[in-house]
Amino acid sequence: MQSSESRHFQLDLGQPRWAVSSTLNRLGLALEDEQRYVEAEASFQQALEIREALYGPRSPTLVAILRNLARVYTEEGKKKEAATARYRANHI
């Protein structure tokens, strides 16, 4: 599920995709701080998708986003997804 806020960033900023992914990651952190975990998850997912498209699935640029995603999954009670994200982050 994507929030309209994060969709807006991806579609309307007109910045290089790296900058958009960084903005989405920071948005996810802000949403996480506000305990808006579903929206934070969507923002981190979009940031991750952009970075994977730019650099591939084993790029070190994914580590921070994967760790952020794992933390949100944990807060949401999604243990399997959290473990998978942590595993990926730790094995890049």
PDB file of N, CA and C in Angstrom:
ATOM      1  N   MET A   1       0.844  -1.176   0.000  1.00  0.00           N
ATOM      2  CA  MET A   1       0.000   0.000   0.000  1.00  0.00           C
ATOM      3  C   MET A   1       0.887   1.236   0.000  1.00  0.00           C
ATOM      4  N   GLN A   2       0.692   2.127  -0.938  1.00  0.00           N
ATOM      5  CA  GLN A   2       1.479   3.331  -1.034  1.00  0.00           C
ATOM      6  C   GLN A   2       0.681   4.520  -0.537  1.00  0.00           C
ATOM      7  N   SER A   3       1.357   5.354   0.242  1.00  0.00           N
ATOM      8  CA  SER A   3       0.668   6.565   0.668  1.00  0.00           C
ATOM      9  C   SER A   3       0.697   7.581  -0.465  1.00  0.00           C
ATOM     10  N   SER A   4      -0.268   8.466  -0.471  1.00  0.00           N
ATOM     11  CA  SER A   4      -0.298   9.484  -1.511  1.00  0.00           C
ATOM     12  C   SER A   4       0.895  10.420  -1.374  1.00  0.00           C
ATOM     13  N   GLU A   5       1.396  10.622  -0.131  1.00  0.00           N
ATOM     14  CA  GLU A   5       2.558  11.477   0.073  1.00  0.00           C
ATOM     15  C   GLU A   5       3.782  10.917  -0.639  1.00  0.00           C
ATOM     16  N   SER A   6       4.084   9.627  -0.426  1.00  0.00           N
ATOM     17  CA  SER A   6       5.282   9.057  -1.029  1.00  0.00           C
ATOM     18  C   SER A   6       5.121   8.935  -2.534  1.00  0.00           C
ATOM     19  N   ARG A   7       3.934   8.634  -3.015  1.00  0.00           N
ATOM     20  CA  ARG A   7       3.694   8.587  -4.451  1.00  0.00           C
ATOM     21  C   ARG A   7       3.952   9.952  -5.072  1.00  0.00           C
ATOM     22  N   HIS A   8       3.537  11.008  -4.376  1.00  0.00           N
ATOM     23  CA  HIS A   8       3.753  12.376  -4.837  1.00  0.00           C
ATOM     24  C   HIS A   8       5.246  12.647  -5.018  1.00  0.00           C
ATOM     25  N   PHE A   9       6.056  12.247  -4.062  1.00  0.00           N
ATOM     26  CA  PHE A   9       7.494  12.474  -4.167  1.00  0.00           C
ATOM     27  C   PHE A   9       8.068  11.780  -5.386  1.00  0.00           C
ATOM     28  N   GLN A  10       7.698  10.537  -5.607  1.00  0.00           N
ATOM     29  CA  GLN A  10       8.281   9.798  -6.713  1.00  0.00           C
ATOM     30  C   GLN A  10       7.857  10.370  -8.061  1.00  0.00           C
ATOM     31  N   LEU A  11       6.645  10.801  -8.171  1.00  0.00           N
ATOM     32  CA  LEU A  11       6.132  11.227  -9.460  1.00  0.00           C
ATOM     33  C   LEU A  11       6.403  12.686  -9.792  1.00  0.00           C
ATOM     34  N   ASP A  12       6.495  13.551  -8.768  1.00  0.00           N
ATOM     35  CA  ASP A  12       6.473  14.978  -9.052  1.00  0.00           C
ATOM     36  C   ASP A  12       7.764  15.741  -8.789  1.00  0.00           C
ATOM     37  N   LEU A  13       8.746  15.149  -8.165  1.00  0.00           N
ATOM     38  CA  LEU A  13       9.935  15.924  -7.842  1.00  0.00           C
ATOM     39  C   LEU A  13      10.782  16.258  -9.058  1.00  0.00           C
ATOM     40  N   GLY A  14      10.813  15.376 -10.034  1.00  0.00           N
ATOM     41  CA  GLY A  14      11.602  15.627 -11.217  1.00  0.00           C
ATOM     42  C   GLY A  14      13.099  15.614 -10.942  1.00  0.00           C
ATOM     43  N   GLN A  15      13.519  15.043  -9.824  1.00  0.00           N
ATOM     44  CA  GLN A  15      14.927  14.958  -9.464  1.00  0.00           C
ATOM     45  C   GLN A  15      15.493  13.627  -9.944  1.00  0.00           C
ATOM     46  N   PRO A  16      16.822  13.514  -9.947  1.00  0.00           N
ATOM     47  CA  PRO A  16      17.404  12.211 -10.258  1.00  0.00           C
ATOM     48  C   PRO A  16      16.860  11.156  -9.296  1.00  0.00           C
ATOM     49  N   ARG A  17      16.737   9.952  -9.800  1.00  0.00           N
ATOM     50  CA  ARG A  17      16.116   8.900  -9.005  1.00  0.00           C
ATOM     51  C   ARG A  17      16.837   8.651  -7.681  1.00  0.00           C
ATOM     52  N   TRP A  18      18.163   8.850  -7.621  1.00  0.00           N
ATOM     53  CA  TRP A  18      18.878   8.691  -6.354  1.00  0.00           C
ATOM     54  C   TRP A  18      18.326   9.671  -5.324  1.00  0.00           C
ATOM     55  N   ALA A  19      18.130  10.913  -5.731  1.00  0.00           N
ATOM     56  CA  ALA A  19      17.608  11.923  -4.814  1.00  0.00           C
ATOM     57  C   ALA A  19      16.194  11.574  -4.359  1.00  0.00           C
ATOM     58  N   VAL A  20      15.403  11.033  -5.259  1.00  0.00           N
ATOM     59  CA  VAL A  20      14.041  10.638  -4.892  1.00  0.00           C
ATOM     60  C   VAL A  20      14.086   9.508  -3.871  1.00  0.00           C
ATOM     61  N   SER A  21      14.961   8.521  -4.098  1.00  0.00           N
ATOM     62  CA  SER A  21      15.051   7.408  -3.147  1.00  0.00           C
ATOM     63  C   SER A  21      15.526   7.907  -1.781  1.00  0.00           C
ATOM     64  N   SER A  22      16.438   8.843  -1.748  1.00  0.00           N
ATOM     65  CA  SER A  22      16.902   9.401  -0.475  1.00  0.00           C
ATOM     66  C   SER A  22      15.782  10.151   0.233  1.00  0.00           C
ATOM     67  N   THR A  23      15.004  10.903  -0.531  1.00  0.00           N
ATOM     68  CA  THR A  23      13.876  11.632   0.041  1.00  0.00           C
ATOM     69  C   THR A  23      12.838  10.658   0.597  1.00  0.00           C
ATOM     70  N   LEU A  24      12.561   9.597  -0.142  1.00  0.00           N
ATOM     71  CA  LEU A  24      11.604   8.589   0.331  1.00  0.00           C
ATOM     72  C   LEU A  24      12.105   7.903   1.601  1.00  0.00           C
ATOM     73  N   ASN A  25      13.398   7.640   1.669  1.00  0.00           N
ATOM     74  CA  ASN A  25      13.955   7.031   2.867  1.00  0.00           C
ATOM     75  C   ASN A  25      13.801   7.966   4.067  1.00  0.00           C
ATOM     76  N   ARG A  26      14.116   9.247   3.877  1.00  0.00           N
ATOM     77  CA  ARG A  26      13.951  10.220   4.966  1.00  0.00           C
ATOM     78  C   ARG A  26      12.480  10.378   5.357  1.00  0.00           C
ATOM     79  N   LEU A  27      11.590  10.359   4.380  1.00  0.00           N
ATOM     80  CA  LEU A  27      10.159  10.414   4.674  1.00  0.00           C
ATOM     81  C   LEU A  27       9.760   9.199   5.517  1.00  0.00           C
ATOM     82  N   GLY A  28      10.258   8.027   5.146  1.00  0.00           N
ATOM     83  CA  GLY A  28       9.971   6.818   5.918  1.00  0.00           C
ATOM     84  C   GLY A  28      10.424   6.952   7.360  1.00  0.00           C
ATOM     85  N   LEU A  29      11.597   7.537   7.577  1.00  0.00           N
ATOM     86  CA  LEU A  29      12.091   7.743   8.941  1.00  0.00           C
ATOM     87  C   LEU A  29      11.177   8.678   9.729  1.00  0.00           C
ATOM     88  N   ALA A  30      10.725   9.742   9.080  1.00  0.00           N
ATOM     89  CA  ALA A  30       9.818  10.679   9.746  1.00  0.00           C
ATOM     90  C   ALA A  30       8.486  10.012  10.081  1.00  0.00           C
ATOM     91  N   LEU A  31       7.974   9.234   9.152  1.00  0.00           N
ATOM     92  CA  LEU A  31       6.714   8.529   9.392  1.00  0.00           C
ATOM     93  C   LEU A  31       6.868   7.492  10.504  1.00  0.00           C
ATOM     94  N   GLU A  32       8.012   6.823  10.517  1.00  0.00           N
ATOM     95  CA  GLU A  32       8.286   5.849  11.579  1.00  0.00           C
ATOM     96  C   GLU A  32       8.314   6.551  12.936  1.00  0.00           C
ATOM     97  N   ASP A  33       8.960   7.713  13.007  1.00  0.00           N
ATOM     98  CA  ASP A  33       9.001   8.476  14.263  1.00  0.00           C
ATOM     99  C   ASP A  33       7.605   8.830  14.755  1.00  0.00           C
ATOM    100  N   GLU A  34       6.682   9.011  13.824  1.00  0.00           N
ATOM    101  CA  GLU A  34       5.295   9.329  14.177  1.00  0.00           C
ATOM    102  C   GLU A  34       4.451   8.069  14.368  1.00  0.00           C
ATOM    103  N   GLN A  35       5.089   6.901  14.314  1.00  0.00           N
ATOM    104  CA  GLN A  35       4.434   5.604  14.458  1.00  0.00           C
ATOM    105  C   GLN A  35       3.395   5.354  13.362  1.00  0.00           C
ATOM    106  N   ARG A  36       3.652   5.888  12.203  1.00  0.00           N
ATOM    107  CA  ARG A  36       2.791   5.671  11.033  1.00  0.00           C
ATOM    108  C   ARG A  36       3.469   4.589  10.191  1.00  0.00           C
ATOM    109  N   TYR A  37       3.450   3.376  10.721  1.00  0.00           N
ATOM    110  CA  TYR A  37       4.263   2.286  10.195  1.00  0.00           C
ATOM    111  C   TYR A  37       3.852   1.815   8.798  1.00  0.00           C
ATOM    112  N   VAL A  38       2.588   1.793   8.508  1.00  0.00           N
ATOM    113  CA  VAL A  38       2.141   1.354   7.177  1.00  0.00           C
ATOM    114  C   VAL A  38       2.668   2.313   6.111  1.00  0.00           C
ATOM    115  N   GLU A  39       2.574   3.587   6.387  1.00  0.00           N
ATOM    116  CA  GLU A  39       3.070   4.584   5.436  1.00  0.00           C
ATOM    117  C   GLU A  39       4.598   4.569   5.360  1.00  0.00           C
ATOM    118  N   ALA A  40       5.251   4.369   6.499  1.00  0.00           N
ATOM    119  CA  ALA A  40       6.717   4.280   6.513  1.00  0.00           C
ATOM    120  C   ALA A  40       7.170   3.080   5.691  1.00  0.00           C
ATOM    121  N   GLU A  41       6.486   1.958   5.857  1.00  0.00           N
ATOM    122  CA  GLU A  41       6.815   0.760   5.078  1.00  0.00           C
ATOM    123  C   GLU A  41       6.724   1.041   3.582  1.00  0.00           C
ATOM    124  N   ALA A  42       5.658   1.678   3.163  1.00  0.00           N
ATOM    125  CA  ALA A  42       5.477   1.983   1.741  1.00  0.00           C
ATOM    126  C   ALA A  42       6.589   2.897   1.232  1.00  0.00           C
ATOM    127  N   SER A  43       6.975   3.868   2.034  1.00  0.00           N
ATOM    128  CA  SER A  43       8.029   4.796   1.642  1.00  0.00           C
ATOM    129  C   SER A  43       9.374   4.079   1.527  1.00  0.00           C
ATOM    130  N   PHE A  44       9.704   3.253   2.511  1.00  0.00           N
ATOM    131  CA  PHE A  44      10.948   2.487   2.455  1.00  0.00           C
ATOM    132  C   PHE A  44      10.944   1.515   1.275  1.00  0.00           C
ATOM    133  N   GLN A  45       9.800   0.899   1.010  1.00  0.00           N
ATOM    134  CA  GLN A  45       9.707  -0.033  -0.125  1.00  0.00           C
ATOM    135  C   GLN A  45       9.989   0.681  -1.436  1.00  0.00           C
ATOM    136  N   GLN A  46       9.426   1.857  -1.606  1.00  0.00           N
ATOM    137  CA  GLN A  46       9.663   2.612  -2.841  1.00  0.00           C
ATOM    138  C   GLN A  46      11.131   3.009  -2.968  1.00  0.00           C
ATOM    139  N   ALA A  47      11.718   3.461  -1.866  1.00  0.00           N
ATOM    140  CA  ALA A  47      13.134   3.819  -1.884  1.00  0.00           C
ATOM    141  C   ALA A  47      13.982   2.607  -2.259  1.00  0.00           C
ATOM    142  N   LEU A  48      13.647   1.459  -1.695  1.00  0.00           N
ATOM    143  CA  LEU A  48      14.371   0.225  -1.995  1.00  0.00           C
ATOM    144  C   LEU A  48      14.227  -0.171  -3.460  1.00  0.00           C
ATOM    145  N   GLU A  49      13.027  -0.084  -3.994  1.00  0.00           N
ATOM    146  CA  GLU A  49      12.801  -0.431  -5.404  1.00  0.00           C
ATOM    147  C   GLU A  49      13.629   0.452  -6.340  1.00  0.00           C
ATOM    148  N   ILE A  50      13.697   1.722  -6.033  1.00  0.00           N
ATOM    149  CA  ILE A  50      14.480   2.644  -6.864  1.00  0.00           C
ATOM    150  C   ILE A  50      15.957   2.277  -6.811  1.00  0.00           C
ATOM    151  N   ARG A  51      16.479   2.071  -5.602  1.00  0.00           N
ATOM    152  CA  ARG A  51      17.901   1.734  -5.466  1.00  0.00           C
ATOM    153  C   ARG A  51      18.227   0.399  -6.134  1.00  0.00           C
ATOM    154  N   GLU A  52      17.329  -0.581  -5.994  1.00  0.00           N
ATOM    155  CA  GLU A  52      17.569  -1.870  -6.646  1.00  0.00           C
ATOM    156  C   GLU A  52      17.600  -1.715  -8.164  1.00  0.00           C
ATOM    157  N   ALA A  53      16.710  -0.891  -8.697  1.00  0.00           N
ATOM    158  CA  ALA A  53      16.685  -0.657 -10.143  1.00  0.00           C
ATOM    159  C   ALA A  53      17.959   0.047 -10.611  1.00  0.00           C
ATOM    160  N   LEU A  54      18.483   0.943  -9.789  1.00  0.00           N
ATOM    161  CA  LEU A  54      19.689   1.684 -10.155  1.00  0.00           C
ATOM    162  C   LEU A  54      20.963   0.859 -10.007  1.00  0.00           C
ATOM    163  N   TYR A  55      21.058   0.097  -8.919  1.00  0.00           N
ATOM    164  CA  TYR A  55      22.338  -0.522  -8.561  1.00  0.00           C
ATOM    165  C   TYR A  55      22.316  -2.042  -8.425  1.00  0.00           C
ATOM    166  N   GLY A  56      21.153  -2.655  -8.507  1.00  0.00           N
ATOM    167  CA  GLY A  56      21.070  -4.103  -8.375  1.00  0.00           C
ATOM    168  C   GLY A  56      20.745  -4.534  -6.957  1.00  0.00           C
ATOM    169  N   PRO A  57      20.363  -5.801  -6.797  1.00  0.00           N
ATOM    170  CA  PRO A  57      19.859  -6.296  -5.513  1.00  0.00           C
ATOM    171  C   PRO A  57      20.921  -6.520  -4.438  1.00  0.00           C
ATOM    172  N   ARG A  58      22.207  -6.415  -4.773  1.00  0.00           N
ATOM    173  CA  ARG A  58      23.263  -6.650  -3.783  1.00  0.00           C
ATOM    174  C   ARG A  58      24.122  -5.408  -3.535  1.00  0.00           C
ATOM    175  N   SER A  59      23.598  -4.263  -3.869  1.00  0.00           N
ATOM    176  CA  SER A  59      24.346  -3.017  -3.701  1.00  0.00           C
ATOM    177  C   SER A  59      24.402  -2.596  -2.229  1.00  0.00           C
ATOM    178  N   PRO A  60      25.557  -2.157  -1.772  1.00  0.00           N
ATOM    179  CA  PRO A  60      25.664  -1.639  -0.404  1.00  0.00           C
ATOM    180  C   PRO A  60      24.749  -0.435  -0.134  1.00  0.00           C
ATOM    181  N   THR A  61      24.285   0.221  -1.178  1.00  0.00           N
ATOM    182  CA  THR A  61      23.375   1.357  -0.982  1.00  0.00           C
ATOM    183  C   THR A  61      22.008   0.925  -0.459  1.00  0.00           C
ATOM    184  N   LEU A  62      21.748  -0.381  -0.440  1.00  0.00           N
ATOM    185  CA  LEU A  62      20.462  -0.892   0.038  1.00  0.00           C
ATOM    186  C   LEU A  62      20.441  -1.149   1.544  1.00  0.00           C
ATOM    187  N   VAL A  63      21.618  -1.268   2.154  1.00  0.00           N
ATOM    188  CA  VAL A  63      21.705  -1.735   3.538  1.00  0.00           C
ATOM    189  C   VAL A  63      20.886  -0.886   4.509  1.00  0.00           C
ATOM    190  N   ALA A  64      21.061   0.415   4.490  1.00  0.00           N
ATOM    191  CA  ALA A  64      20.346   1.279   5.444  1.00  0.00           C
ATOM    192  C   ALA A  64      18.835   1.180   5.251  1.00  0.00           C
ATOM    193  N   ILE A  65      18.397   1.162   4.001  1.00  0.00           N
ATOM    194  CA  ILE A  65      16.952   1.080   3.734  1.00  0.00           C
ATOM    195  C   ILE A  65      16.408  -0.264   4.215  1.00  0.00           C
ATOM    196  N   LEU A  66      17.153  -1.341   3.970  1.00  0.00           N
ATOM    197  CA  LEU A  66      16.705  -2.667   4.433  1.00  0.00           C
ATOM    198  C   LEU A  66      16.606  -2.712   5.953  1.00  0.00           C
ATOM    199  N   ARG A  67      17.559  -2.107   6.636  1.00  0.00           N
ATOM    200  CA  ARG A  67      17.507  -2.074   8.108  1.00  0.00           C
ATOM    201  C   ARG A  67      16.322  -1.242   8.590  1.00  0.00           C
ATOM    202  N   ASN A  68      16.056  -0.133   7.916  1.00  0.00           N
ATOM    203  CA  ASN A  68      14.890   0.680   8.267  1.00  0.00           C
ATOM    204  C   ASN A  68      13.611  -0.117   8.062  1.00  0.00           C
ATOM    205  N   LEU A  69      13.542  -0.813   6.954  1.00  0.00           N
ATOM    206  CA  LEU A  69      12.370  -1.625   6.638  1.00  0.00           C
ATOM    207  C   LEU A  69      12.198  -2.739   7.674  1.00  0.00           C
ATOM    208  N   ALA A  70      13.293  -3.374   8.068  1.00  0.00           N
ATOM    209  CA  ALA A  70      13.226  -4.439   9.073  1.00  0.00           C
ATOM    210  C   ALA A  70      12.664  -3.913  10.396  1.00  0.00           C
ATOM    211  N   ARG A  71      13.086  -2.726  10.777  1.00  0.00           N
ATOM    212  CA  ARG A  71      12.594  -2.127  12.017  1.00  0.00           C
ATOM    213  C   ARG A  71      11.094  -1.878  11.962  1.00  0.00           C
ATOM    214  N   VAL A  72      10.615  -1.374  10.823  1.00  0.00           N
ATOM    215  CA  VAL A  72       9.182  -1.103  10.669  1.00  0.00           C
ATOM    216  C   VAL A  72       8.396  -2.411  10.650  1.00  0.00           C
ATOM    217  N   TYR A  73       8.908  -3.394   9.930  1.00  0.00           N
ATOM    218  CA  TYR A  73       8.243  -4.703   9.922  1.00  0.00           C
ATOM    219  C   TYR A  73       8.112  -5.245  11.351  1.00  0.00           C
ATOM    220  N   THR A  74       9.155  -5.081  12.152  1.00  0.00           N
ATOM    221  CA  THR A  74       9.112  -5.548  13.538  1.00  0.00           C
ATOM    222  C   THR A  74       8.007  -4.840  14.299  1.00  0.00           C
ATOM    223  N   GLU A  75       7.910  -3.528  14.123  1.00  0.00           N
ATOM    224  CA  GLU A  75       6.859  -2.755  14.799  1.00  0.00           C
ATOM    225  C   GLU A  75       5.466  -3.203  14.365  1.00  0.00           C
ATOM    226  N   GLU A  76       5.351  -3.642  13.121  1.00  0.00           N
ATOM    227  CA  GLU A  76       4.064  -4.089  12.592  1.00  0.00           C
ATOM    228  C   GLU A  76       3.764  -5.548  12.949  1.00  0.00           C
ATOM    229  N   GLY A  77       4.713  -6.216  13.580  1.00  0.00           N
ATOM    230  CA  GLY A  77       4.520  -7.620  13.934  1.00  0.00           C
ATOM    231  C   GLY A  77       4.765  -8.572  12.775  1.00  0.00           C
ATOM    232  N   LYS A  78       5.420  -8.111  11.735  1.00  0.00           N
ATOM    233  CA  LYS A  78       5.718  -8.931  10.551  1.00  0.00           C
ATOM    234  C   LYS A  78       7.105  -9.550  10.727  1.00  0.00           C
ATOM    235  N   LYS A  79       7.159 -10.584  11.567  1.00  0.00           N
ATOM    236  CA  LYS A  79       8.441 -11.171  11.954  1.00  0.00           C
ATOM    237  C   LYS A  79       9.201 -11.778  10.786  1.00  0.00           C
ATOM    238  N   LYS A  80       8.513 -12.480   9.921  1.00  0.00           N
ATOM    239  CA  LYS A  80       9.176 -13.135   8.791  1.00  0.00           C
ATOM    240  C   LYS A  80       9.784 -12.090   7.847  1.00  0.00           C
ATOM    241  N   GLU A  81       9.019 -11.055   7.525  1.00  0.00           N
ATOM    242  CA  GLU A  81       9.514  -9.997   6.643  1.00  0.00           C
ATOM    243  C   GLU A  81      10.688  -9.255   7.276  1.00  0.00           C
ATOM    244  N   ALA A  82      10.599  -9.017   8.597  1.00  0.00           N
ATOM    245  CA  ALA A  82      11.685  -8.340   9.309  1.00  0.00           C
ATOM    246  C   ALA A  82      12.957  -9.175   9.250  1.00  0.00           C
ATOM    247  N   ALA A  83      12.829 -10.472   9.474  1.00  0.00           N
ATOM    248  CA  ALA A  83      13.994 -11.354   9.430  1.00  0.00           C
ATOM    249  C   ALA A  83      14.608 -11.389   8.034  1.00  0.00           C
ATOM    250  N   THR A  84      13.768 -11.419   7.013  1.00  0.00           N
ATOM    251  CA  THR A  84      14.258 -11.438   5.632  1.00  0.00           C
ATOM    252  C   THR A  84      15.005 -10.152   5.300  1.00  0.00           C
ATOM    253  N   ALA A  85      14.458  -9.018   5.687  1.00  0.00           N
ATOM    254  CA  ALA A  85      15.106  -7.731   5.420  1.00  0.00           C
ATOM    255  C   ALA A  85      16.434  -7.627   6.165  1.00  0.00           C
ATOM    256  N   ARG A  86      16.460  -8.058   7.440  1.00  0.00           N
ATOM    257  CA  ARG A  86      17.711  -8.038   8.207  1.00  0.00           C
ATOM    258  C   ARG A  86      18.749  -8.964   7.585  1.00  0.00           C
ATOM    259  N   TYR A  87      18.333 -10.145   7.166  1.00  0.00           N
ATOM    260  CA  TYR A  87      19.240 -11.097   6.532  1.00  0.00           C
ATOM    261  C   TYR A  87      19.864 -10.475   5.285  1.00  0.00           C
ATOM    262  N   ARG A  88      19.016  -9.902   4.448  1.00  0.00           N
ATOM    263  CA  ARG A  88      19.532  -9.250   3.220  1.00  0.00           C
ATOM    264  C   ARG A  88      20.529  -8.163   3.558  1.00  0.00           C
ATOM    265  N   ALA A  89      20.195  -7.313   4.528  1.00  0.00           N
ATOM    266  CA  ALA A  89      21.087  -6.222   4.914  1.00  0.00           C
ATOM    267  C   ALA A  89      22.425  -6.742   5.421  1.00  0.00           C
ATOM    268  N   ASN A  90      22.384  -7.809   6.177  1.00  0.00           N
ATOM    269  CA  ASN A  90      23.606  -8.359   6.771  1.00  0.00           C
ATOM    270  C   ASN A  90      24.459  -9.147   5.801  1.00  0.00           C
ATOM    271  N   HIS A  91      23.892  -9.515   4.653  1.00  0.00           N
ATOM    272  CA  HIS A  91      24.621 -10.351   3.686  1.00  0.00           C
ATOM    273  C   HIS A  91      24.924  -9.634   2.387  1.00  0.00           C
ATOM    274  N   ILE A  92      24.909  -8.344   2.427  1.00  0.00           N
ATOM    275  CA  ILE A  92      25.310  -7.558   1.235  1.00  0.00           C
ATOM    276  C   ILE A  92      26.774  -7.187   1.423  1.00  0.00           C
TER     277      ILE A  92
END
